[in-house]
Amino acid sequence: MIDILRRLLAPEPEPLPRPDAQTALAALLVRVARTDGLYSAEEVERIDRVLATHHGLGPFDAARLRSEAEALEAQAPDTVRFTQALKAATALEDRSALMTALWSVALADGERDALEDRLMRMVSTLLGLTDVESAQARQRAEREADRS
């Protein structure tokens, strides 16, 4: 975990290797969930589901990754570096899927919080996505939540 932080804090961070990028994504999901000051069971469950689906993990491995990400998120300096590392590690065409995953966590507790909305706008911009692409990702997350 210290290695990931060192890479994220480098003056010019290089793309993260896949396992570190997975942990950084998980930590960003945790940060989104914690933004409103509540870290609900619904958000934890949604993070585990996103990690399992996005990375092809079983429930135990997804929960382990989330646990590592919780520790990383607590030590990490800022959201910008997480997002920059994810942007460098993720192809442009895959970033909207990341945004959908982030929105699914932000919406998991059934509340739209102004702090979460502000964070999601910043993350979208840092990922190189437009407001329209972020809105489309949110709508996909809402549809997926309605189906589950």
N, C-alpha and C. Protein backbone atom coordinates (compact mmCIF):
# COMPACT_ATOMS: atom_id res chain seq x y z
N MET A 1 0.83 -1.19 0.00
CA MET A 1 0.00 0.00 0.00
C MET A 1 0.87 1.25 0.00
N ILE A 2 1.97 1.22 0.71
CA ILE A 2 2.88 2.36 0.73
C ILE A 2 3.42 2.61 -0.67
N ASP A 3 3.65 1.54 -1.44
CA ASP A 3 4.15 1.68 -2.80
C ASP A 3 3.15 2.44 -3.67
N ILE A 4 1.86 2.12 -3.51
CA ILE A 4 0.83 2.83 -4.28
C ILE A 4 0.84 4.31 -3.92
N LEU A 5 0.89 4.61 -2.63
CA LEU A 5 0.92 6.02 -2.21
C LEU A 5 2.14 6.73 -2.75
N ARG A 6 3.29 6.07 -2.73
CA ARG A 6 4.51 6.67 -3.25
C ARG A 6 4.34 7.00 -4.74
N ARG A 7 3.75 6.07 -5.48
CA ARG A 7 3.52 6.31 -6.91
C ARG A 7 2.55 7.46 -7.14
N LEU A 8 1.49 7.49 -6.34
CA LEU A 8 0.50 8.55 -6.49
C LEU A 8 1.07 9.92 -6.13
N LEU A 9 2.02 9.95 -5.19
CA LEU A 9 2.59 11.20 -4.72
C LEU A 9 3.79 11.66 -5.55
N ALA A 10 4.23 10.85 -6.50
CA ALA A 10 5.36 11.24 -7.34
C ALA A 10 5.03 12.51 -8.09
N PRO A 11 6.04 13.37 -8.34
CA PRO A 11 5.78 14.62 -9.06
C PRO A 11 5.11 14.38 -10.42
N GLU A 12 5.51 13.34 -11.10
CA GLU A 12 4.90 12.97 -12.38
C GLU A 12 4.57 11.48 -12.33
N PRO A 13 3.41 11.13 -11.75
CA PRO A 13 3.08 9.71 -11.57
C PRO A 13 3.00 8.98 -12.90
N GLU A 14 3.54 7.78 -12.91
CA GLU A 14 3.46 6.91 -14.08
C GLU A 14 2.20 6.06 -13.95
N PRO A 15 1.75 5.49 -15.08
CA PRO A 15 0.57 4.63 -14.99
C PRO A 15 0.79 3.51 -13.98
N LEU A 16 -0.25 3.21 -13.22
CA LEU A 16 -0.17 2.16 -12.22
C LEU A 16 -0.30 0.79 -12.87
N PRO A 17 0.44 -0.21 -12.34
CA PRO A 17 0.19 -1.57 -12.82
C PRO A 17 -1.23 -2.00 -12.43
N ARG A 18 -1.77 -2.97 -13.12
CA ARG A 18 -3.16 -3.37 -12.96
C ARG A 18 -3.59 -3.58 -11.49
N PRO A 19 -2.86 -4.35 -10.68
CA PRO A 19 -3.33 -4.53 -9.29
C PRO A 19 -3.42 -3.22 -8.52
N ASP A 20 -2.45 -2.34 -8.73
CA ASP A 20 -2.49 -1.04 -8.04
C ASP A 20 -3.62 -0.17 -8.58
N ALA A 21 -3.88 -0.25 -9.88
CA ALA A 21 -4.99 0.51 -10.45
C ALA A 21 -6.32 0.01 -9.88
N GLN A 22 -6.44 -1.31 -9.68
CA GLN A 22 -7.65 -1.86 -9.06
C GLN A 22 -7.83 -1.32 -7.65
N THR A 23 -6.75 -1.27 -6.90
CA THR A 23 -6.82 -0.76 -5.53
C THR A 23 -7.15 0.73 -5.53
N ALA A 24 -6.56 1.48 -6.46
CA ALA A 24 -6.85 2.91 -6.54
C ALA A 24 -8.32 3.14 -6.89
N LEU A 25 -8.88 2.36 -7.82
CA LEU A 25 -10.30 2.48 -8.15
C LEU A 25 -11.14 2.16 -6.91
N ALA A 26 -10.79 1.10 -6.22
CA ALA A 26 -11.54 0.73 -5.02
C ALA A 26 -11.47 1.84 -3.98
N ALA A 27 -10.29 2.45 -3.82
CA ALA A 27 -10.14 3.54 -2.85
C ALA A 27 -10.97 4.75 -3.26
N LEU A 28 -11.05 5.02 -4.55
CA LEU A 28 -11.88 6.14 -5.01
C LEU A 28 -13.36 5.84 -4.76
N LEU A 29 -13.77 4.58 -4.95
CA LEU A 29 -15.15 4.19 -4.63
C LEU A 29 -15.44 4.41 -3.15
N VAL A 30 -14.48 4.04 -2.30
CA VAL A 30 -14.64 4.24 -0.86
C VAL A 30 -14.72 5.74 -0.54
N ARG A 31 -13.87 6.52 -1.19
CA ARG A 31 -13.88 7.97 -0.94
C ARG A 31 -15.24 8.56 -1.33
N VAL A 32 -15.78 8.15 -2.45
CA VAL A 32 -17.10 8.64 -2.87
C VAL A 32 -18.15 8.26 -1.82
N ALA A 33 -18.09 7.02 -1.34
CA ALA A 33 -19.07 6.56 -0.35
C ALA A 33 -18.96 7.34 0.95
N ARG A 34 -17.75 7.71 1.34
CA ARG A 34 -17.53 8.41 2.62
C ARG A 34 -17.73 9.92 2.52
N THR A 35 -17.90 10.45 1.34
CA THR A 35 -17.95 11.89 1.13
C THR A 35 -19.03 12.58 1.95
N ASP A 36 -20.19 11.95 2.08
CA ASP A 36 -21.29 12.59 2.81
C ASP A 36 -21.23 12.36 4.32
N GLY A 37 -20.14 11.74 4.79
CA GLY A 37 -19.98 11.51 6.22
C GLY A 37 -20.60 10.22 6.71
N LEU A 38 -21.28 9.51 5.84
CA LEU A 38 -21.88 8.22 6.18
C LEU A 38 -21.26 7.15 5.28
N TYR A 39 -21.01 6.01 5.86
CA TYR A 39 -20.47 4.88 5.09
C TYR A 39 -21.39 3.71 5.38
N SER A 40 -22.48 3.66 4.63
CA SER A 40 -23.57 2.74 4.93
C SER A 40 -23.29 1.32 4.43
N ALA A 41 -24.04 0.39 4.99
CA ALA A 41 -23.94 -1.01 4.57
C ALA A 41 -24.29 -1.14 3.08
N GLU A 42 -25.23 -0.33 2.61
CA GLU A 42 -25.61 -0.38 1.19
C GLU A 42 -24.44 0.05 0.31
N GLU A 43 -23.69 1.04 0.77
CA GLU A 43 -22.54 1.50 -0.01
C GLU A 43 -21.43 0.45 0.00
N VAL A 44 -21.19 -0.17 1.13
CA VAL A 44 -20.17 -1.23 1.22
C VAL A 44 -20.56 -2.38 0.29
N GLU A 45 -21.82 -2.78 0.34
CA GLU A 45 -22.30 -3.86 -0.53
C GLU A 45 -22.15 -3.49 -2.00
N ARG A 46 -22.48 -2.25 -2.34
CA ARG A 46 -22.38 -1.81 -3.73
C ARG A 46 -20.92 -1.80 -4.18
N ILE A 47 -20.01 -1.33 -3.32
CA ILE A 47 -18.59 -1.33 -3.67
C ILE A 47 -18.12 -2.76 -3.94
N ASP A 48 -18.48 -3.68 -3.06
CA ASP A 48 -18.09 -5.08 -3.27
C ASP A 48 -18.63 -5.63 -4.59
N ARG A 49 -19.87 -5.28 -4.90
CA ARG A 49 -20.48 -5.75 -6.14
C ARG A 49 -19.79 -5.14 -7.36
N VAL A 50 -19.48 -3.85 -7.30
CA VAL A 50 -18.78 -3.18 -8.40
C VAL A 50 -17.41 -3.81 -8.60
N LEU A 51 -16.69 -4.02 -7.52
CA LEU A 51 -15.35 -4.62 -7.64
C LEU A 51 -15.42 -6.04 -8.19
N ALA A 52 -16.39 -6.81 -7.73
CA ALA A 52 -16.55 -8.18 -8.23
C ALA A 52 -16.85 -8.18 -9.72
N THR A 53 -17.76 -7.32 -10.14
CA THR A 53 -18.15 -7.27 -11.54
C THR A 53 -17.04 -6.70 -12.41
N HIS A 54 -16.48 -5.58 -11.98
CA HIS A 54 -15.50 -4.86 -12.79
C HIS A 54 -14.19 -5.64 -12.94
N HIS A 55 -13.81 -6.38 -11.89
CA HIS A 55 -12.53 -7.08 -11.91
C HIS A 55 -12.66 -8.60 -11.95
N GLY A 56 -13.88 -9.12 -12.04
CA GLY A 56 -14.08 -10.57 -12.11
C GLY A 56 -13.66 -11.28 -10.83
N LEU A 57 -13.98 -10.69 -9.68
CA LEU A 57 -13.59 -11.25 -8.39
C LEU A 57 -14.76 -11.97 -7.73
N GLY A 58 -14.43 -12.93 -6.90
CA GLY A 58 -15.44 -13.56 -6.05
C GLY A 58 -15.74 -12.65 -4.88
N PRO A 59 -16.78 -12.96 -4.11
CA PRO A 59 -17.17 -12.11 -3.00
C PRO A 59 -16.06 -11.89 -1.96
N PHE A 60 -15.33 -12.95 -1.62
CA PHE A 60 -14.27 -12.82 -0.63
C PHE A 60 -13.17 -11.90 -1.13
N ASP A 61 -12.73 -12.08 -2.38
CA ASP A 61 -11.67 -11.25 -2.93
C ASP A 61 -12.11 -9.80 -3.09
N ALA A 62 -13.36 -9.59 -3.45
CA ALA A 62 -13.87 -8.22 -3.58
C ALA A 62 -13.89 -7.54 -2.21
N ALA A 63 -14.31 -8.25 -1.18
CA ALA A 63 -14.33 -7.69 0.18
C ALA A 63 -12.90 -7.41 0.67
N ARG A 64 -11.97 -8.29 0.33
CA ARG A 64 -10.57 -8.07 0.72
C ARG A 64 -10.01 -6.84 0.03
N LEU A 65 -10.29 -6.68 -1.27
CA LEU A 65 -9.83 -5.51 -2.00
C LEU A 65 -10.43 -4.24 -1.42
N ARG A 66 -11.72 -4.28 -1.08
CA ARG A 66 -12.37 -3.12 -0.48
C ARG A 66 -11.71 -2.78 0.86
N SER A 67 -11.39 -3.79 1.65
CA SER A 67 -10.75 -3.55 2.94
C SER A 67 -9.38 -2.88 2.76
N GLU A 68 -8.61 -3.35 1.80
CA GLU A 68 -7.32 -2.71 1.49
C GLU A 68 -7.54 -1.27 1.04
N ALA A 69 -8.57 -1.08 0.23
CA ALA A 69 -8.87 0.26 -0.30
C ALA A 69 -9.31 1.21 0.81
N GLU A 70 -10.03 0.70 1.80
CA GLU A 70 -10.44 1.55 2.92
C GLU A 70 -9.21 2.09 3.65
N ALA A 71 -8.21 1.22 3.85
CA ALA A 71 -6.97 1.65 4.51
C ALA A 71 -6.22 2.66 3.64
N LEU A 72 -6.14 2.39 2.34
CA LEU A 72 -5.46 3.30 1.42
C LEU A 72 -6.17 4.65 1.38
N GLU A 73 -7.49 4.63 1.27
CA GLU A 73 -8.26 5.88 1.19
C GLU A 73 -8.03 6.73 2.44
N ALA A 74 -7.94 6.09 3.60
CA ALA A 74 -7.75 6.83 4.85
C ALA A 74 -6.38 7.52 4.90
N GLN A 75 -5.39 6.96 4.20
CA GLN A 75 -4.03 7.52 4.21
C GLN A 75 -3.75 8.44 3.03
N ALA A 76 -4.56 8.36 2.02
CA ALA A 76 -4.28 9.06 0.76
C ALA A 76 -4.50 10.57 0.91
N PRO A 77 -3.69 11.35 0.24
CA PRO A 77 -3.75 12.80 0.39
C PRO A 77 -4.93 13.47 -0.29
N ASP A 78 -5.25 13.09 -1.51
CA ASP A 78 -6.31 13.80 -2.21
C ASP A 78 -6.91 12.97 -3.33
N THR A 79 -8.10 13.37 -3.71
CA THR A 79 -8.86 12.68 -4.75
C THR A 79 -8.23 12.89 -6.13
N VAL A 80 -7.62 14.04 -6.33
CA VAL A 80 -7.05 14.36 -7.63
C VAL A 80 -6.02 13.31 -8.05
N ARG A 81 -5.15 12.93 -7.14
CA ARG A 81 -4.10 11.95 -7.51
C ARG A 81 -4.68 10.58 -7.80
N PHE A 82 -5.68 10.16 -7.02
CA PHE A 82 -6.35 8.90 -7.33
C PHE A 82 -6.88 8.94 -8.75
N THR A 83 -7.59 10.02 -9.04
CA THR A 83 -8.25 10.13 -10.33
C THR A 83 -7.24 10.22 -11.46
N GLN A 84 -6.16 10.95 -11.26
CA GLN A 84 -5.12 11.04 -12.29
C GLN A 84 -4.50 9.67 -12.54
N ALA A 85 -4.27 8.91 -11.48
CA ALA A 85 -3.71 7.56 -11.64
C ALA A 85 -4.68 6.66 -12.40
N LEU A 86 -5.96 6.76 -12.08
CA LEU A 86 -6.95 5.96 -12.80
C LEU A 86 -7.06 6.38 -14.26
N LYS A 87 -7.00 7.66 -14.50
CA LYS A 87 -7.06 8.15 -15.88
C LYS A 87 -5.88 7.61 -16.68
N ALA A 88 -4.69 7.65 -16.09
CA ALA A 88 -3.50 7.14 -16.78
C ALA A 88 -3.57 5.64 -17.01
N ALA A 89 -4.26 4.92 -16.11
CA ALA A 89 -4.31 3.46 -16.20
C ALA A 89 -5.51 2.95 -16.99
N THR A 90 -6.40 3.85 -17.42
CA THR A 90 -7.65 3.43 -18.04
C THR A 90 -7.82 4.08 -19.41
N ALA A 91 -8.14 3.27 -20.38
CA ALA A 91 -8.40 3.78 -21.73
C ALA A 91 -9.63 4.70 -21.70
N LEU A 92 -9.62 5.70 -22.56
CA LEU A 92 -10.72 6.66 -22.60
C LEU A 92 -12.07 5.97 -22.73
N GLU A 93 -12.16 4.97 -23.58
CA GLU A 93 -13.45 4.30 -23.79
C GLU A 93 -13.94 3.54 -22.56
N ASP A 94 -13.04 3.25 -21.61
CA ASP A 94 -13.44 2.53 -20.39
C ASP A 94 -13.76 3.47 -19.23
N ARG A 95 -13.46 4.74 -19.37
CA ARG A 95 -13.66 5.68 -18.26
C ARG A 95 -15.12 5.93 -17.95
N SER A 96 -15.99 5.84 -18.94
CA SER A 96 -17.42 6.03 -18.64
C SER A 96 -17.94 4.89 -17.78
N ALA A 97 -17.38 3.68 -17.95
CA ALA A 97 -17.76 2.56 -17.08
C ALA A 97 -17.29 2.82 -15.65
N LEU A 98 -16.12 3.42 -15.51
CA LEU A 98 -15.65 3.80 -14.17
C LEU A 98 -16.61 4.82 -13.56
N MET A 99 -17.03 5.78 -14.36
CA MET A 99 -17.94 6.82 -13.86
C MET A 99 -19.27 6.20 -13.45
N THR A 100 -19.76 5.24 -14.21
CA THR A 100 -21.00 4.55 -13.86
C THR A 100 -20.83 3.83 -12.52
N ALA A 101 -19.69 3.18 -12.33
CA ALA A 101 -19.42 2.49 -11.06
C ALA A 101 -19.38 3.48 -9.91
N LEU A 102 -18.74 4.62 -10.12
CA LEU A 102 -18.67 5.64 -9.07
C LEU A 102 -20.06 6.18 -8.74
N TRP A 103 -20.85 6.44 -9.77
CA TRP A 103 -22.22 6.92 -9.53
C TRP A 103 -23.04 5.86 -8.80
N SER A 104 -22.85 4.58 -9.12
CA SER A 104 -23.64 3.54 -8.45
C SER A 104 -23.36 3.53 -6.95
N VAL A 105 -22.12 3.81 -6.56
CA VAL A 105 -21.79 3.89 -5.13
C VAL A 105 -22.36 5.17 -4.53
N ALA A 106 -22.23 6.28 -5.23
CA ALA A 106 -22.75 7.55 -4.71
C ALA A 106 -24.26 7.48 -4.48
N LEU A 107 -24.96 6.71 -5.30
CA LEU A 107 -26.42 6.62 -5.20
C LEU A 107 -26.90 5.45 -4.35
N ALA A 108 -25.98 4.60 -3.87
CA ALA A 108 -26.35 3.36 -3.18
C ALA A 108 -27.18 3.59 -1.92
N ASP A 109 -26.95 4.70 -1.23
CA ASP A 109 -27.68 4.94 0.01
C ASP A 109 -29.02 5.63 -0.21
N GLY A 110 -29.37 5.84 -1.49
CA GLY A 110 -30.65 6.44 -1.81
C GLY A 110 -30.72 7.94 -1.64
N GLU A 111 -29.59 8.57 -1.37
CA GLU A 111 -29.54 10.01 -1.13
C GLU A 111 -28.64 10.68 -2.17
N ARG A 112 -29.07 11.84 -2.65
CA ARG A 112 -28.20 12.70 -3.48
C ARG A 112 -27.71 13.80 -2.58
N ASP A 113 -26.42 13.80 -2.31
CA ASP A 113 -25.82 14.76 -1.40
C ASP A 113 -25.03 15.79 -2.21
N ALA A 114 -25.08 17.04 -1.81
CA ALA A 114 -24.38 18.11 -2.53
C ALA A 114 -22.87 17.88 -2.56
N LEU A 115 -22.31 17.37 -1.46
CA LEU A 115 -20.86 17.09 -1.44
C LEU A 115 -20.51 15.99 -2.43
N GLU A 116 -21.35 14.95 -2.49
CA GLU A 116 -21.10 13.87 -3.45
C GLU A 116 -21.22 14.39 -4.88
N ASP A 117 -22.25 15.20 -5.13
CA ASP A 117 -22.42 15.76 -6.48
C ASP A 117 -21.19 16.57 -6.90
N ARG A 118 -20.68 17.37 -5.97
CA ARG A 118 -19.50 18.19 -6.26
C ARG A 118 -18.29 17.30 -6.54
N LEU A 119 -18.11 16.27 -5.73
CA LEU A 119 -17.00 15.33 -5.94
C LEU A 119 -17.14 14.63 -7.29
N MET A 120 -18.34 14.21 -7.62
CA MET A 120 -18.56 13.50 -8.89
C MET A 120 -18.27 14.41 -10.08
N ARG A 121 -18.62 15.68 -10.00
CA ARG A 121 -18.30 16.62 -11.09
C ARG A 121 -16.79 16.75 -11.25
N MET A 122 -16.08 16.87 -10.12
CA MET A 122 -14.63 16.99 -10.18
C MET A 122 -14.00 15.74 -10.76
N VAL A 123 -14.43 14.57 -10.28
CA VAL A 123 -13.86 13.31 -10.76
C VAL A 123 -14.12 13.13 -12.25
N SER A 124 -15.31 13.45 -12.68
CA SER A 124 -15.65 13.34 -14.10
C SER A 124 -14.71 14.19 -14.95
N THR A 125 -14.50 15.42 -14.53
CA THR A 125 -13.60 16.32 -15.26
C THR A 125 -12.18 15.77 -15.26
N LEU A 126 -11.72 15.29 -14.12
CA LEU A 126 -10.36 14.76 -14.03
C LEU A 126 -10.17 13.49 -14.85
N LEU A 127 -11.25 12.73 -15.05
CA LEU A 127 -11.18 11.55 -15.92
C LEU A 127 -11.26 11.91 -17.40
N GLY A 128 -11.47 13.19 -17.67
CA GLY A 128 -11.55 13.63 -19.06
C GLY A 128 -12.92 13.42 -19.67
N LEU A 129 -13.94 13.34 -18.82
CA LEU A 129 -15.30 13.15 -19.30
C LEU A 129 -16.07 14.47 -19.22
N THR A 130 -17.05 14.61 -20.09
CA THR A 130 -17.88 15.82 -20.08
C THR A 130 -19.00 15.68 -19.06
N ASP A 131 -19.67 16.78 -18.79
CA ASP A 131 -20.84 16.74 -17.90
C ASP A 131 -21.92 15.84 -18.47
N VAL A 132 -22.07 15.85 -19.78
CA VAL A 132 -23.08 15.00 -20.43
C VAL A 132 -22.71 13.53 -20.23
N GLU A 133 -21.44 13.18 -20.40
CA GLU A 133 -21.02 11.79 -20.21
C GLU A 133 -21.21 11.36 -18.76
N SER A 134 -20.96 12.27 -17.82
CA SER A 134 -21.19 11.96 -16.42
C SER A 134 -22.67 11.75 -16.14
N ALA A 135 -23.51 12.61 -16.71
CA ALA A 135 -24.96 12.46 -16.54
C ALA A 135 -25.45 11.14 -17.13
N GLN A 136 -24.91 10.76 -18.27
CA GLN A 136 -25.27 9.47 -18.87
C GLN A 136 -24.83 8.31 -17.97
N ALA A 137 -23.64 8.43 -17.37
CA ALA A 137 -23.15 7.40 -16.45
C ALA A 137 -24.07 7.31 -15.23
N ARG A 138 -24.51 8.46 -14.70
CA ARG A 138 -25.43 8.47 -13.57
C ARG A 138 -26.74 7.79 -13.93
N GLN A 139 -27.25 8.09 -15.12
CA GLN A 139 -28.50 7.48 -15.56
C GLN A 139 -28.36 5.97 -15.71
N ARG A 140 -27.20 5.50 -16.22
CA ARG A 140 -26.95 4.06 -16.31
C ARG A 140 -26.94 3.44 -14.91
N ALA A 141 -26.27 4.12 -13.97
CA ALA A 141 -26.21 3.61 -12.59
C ALA A 141 -27.61 3.54 -11.98
N GLU A 142 -28.43 4.55 -12.24
CA GLU A 142 -29.80 4.55 -11.72
C GLU A 142 -30.61 3.40 -12.31
N ARG A 143 -30.47 3.16 -13.62
CA ARG A 143 -31.19 2.05 -14.26
C ARG A 143 -30.74 0.70 -13.69
N GLU A 144 -29.42 0.55 -13.50
CA GLU A 144 -28.89 -0.69 -12.94
C GLU A 144 -29.40 -0.90 -11.52
N ALA A 145 -29.50 0.17 -10.74
CA ALA A 145 -30.01 0.06 -9.36
C ALA A 145 -31.48 -0.35 -9.37
N ASP A 146 -32.24 0.17 -10.33
CA ASP A 146 -33.65 -0.18 -10.42
C ASP A 146 -33.84 -1.66 -10.75
N ARG A 147 -32.90 -2.23 -11.52
CA ARG A 147 -32.99 -3.64 -11.90
C ARG A 147 -32.57 -4.59 -10.78
N SER A 148 -31.78 -4.09 -9.84
CA SER A 148 -31.28 -5.00 -8.79
C SER A 148 -32.11 -4.98 -7.54
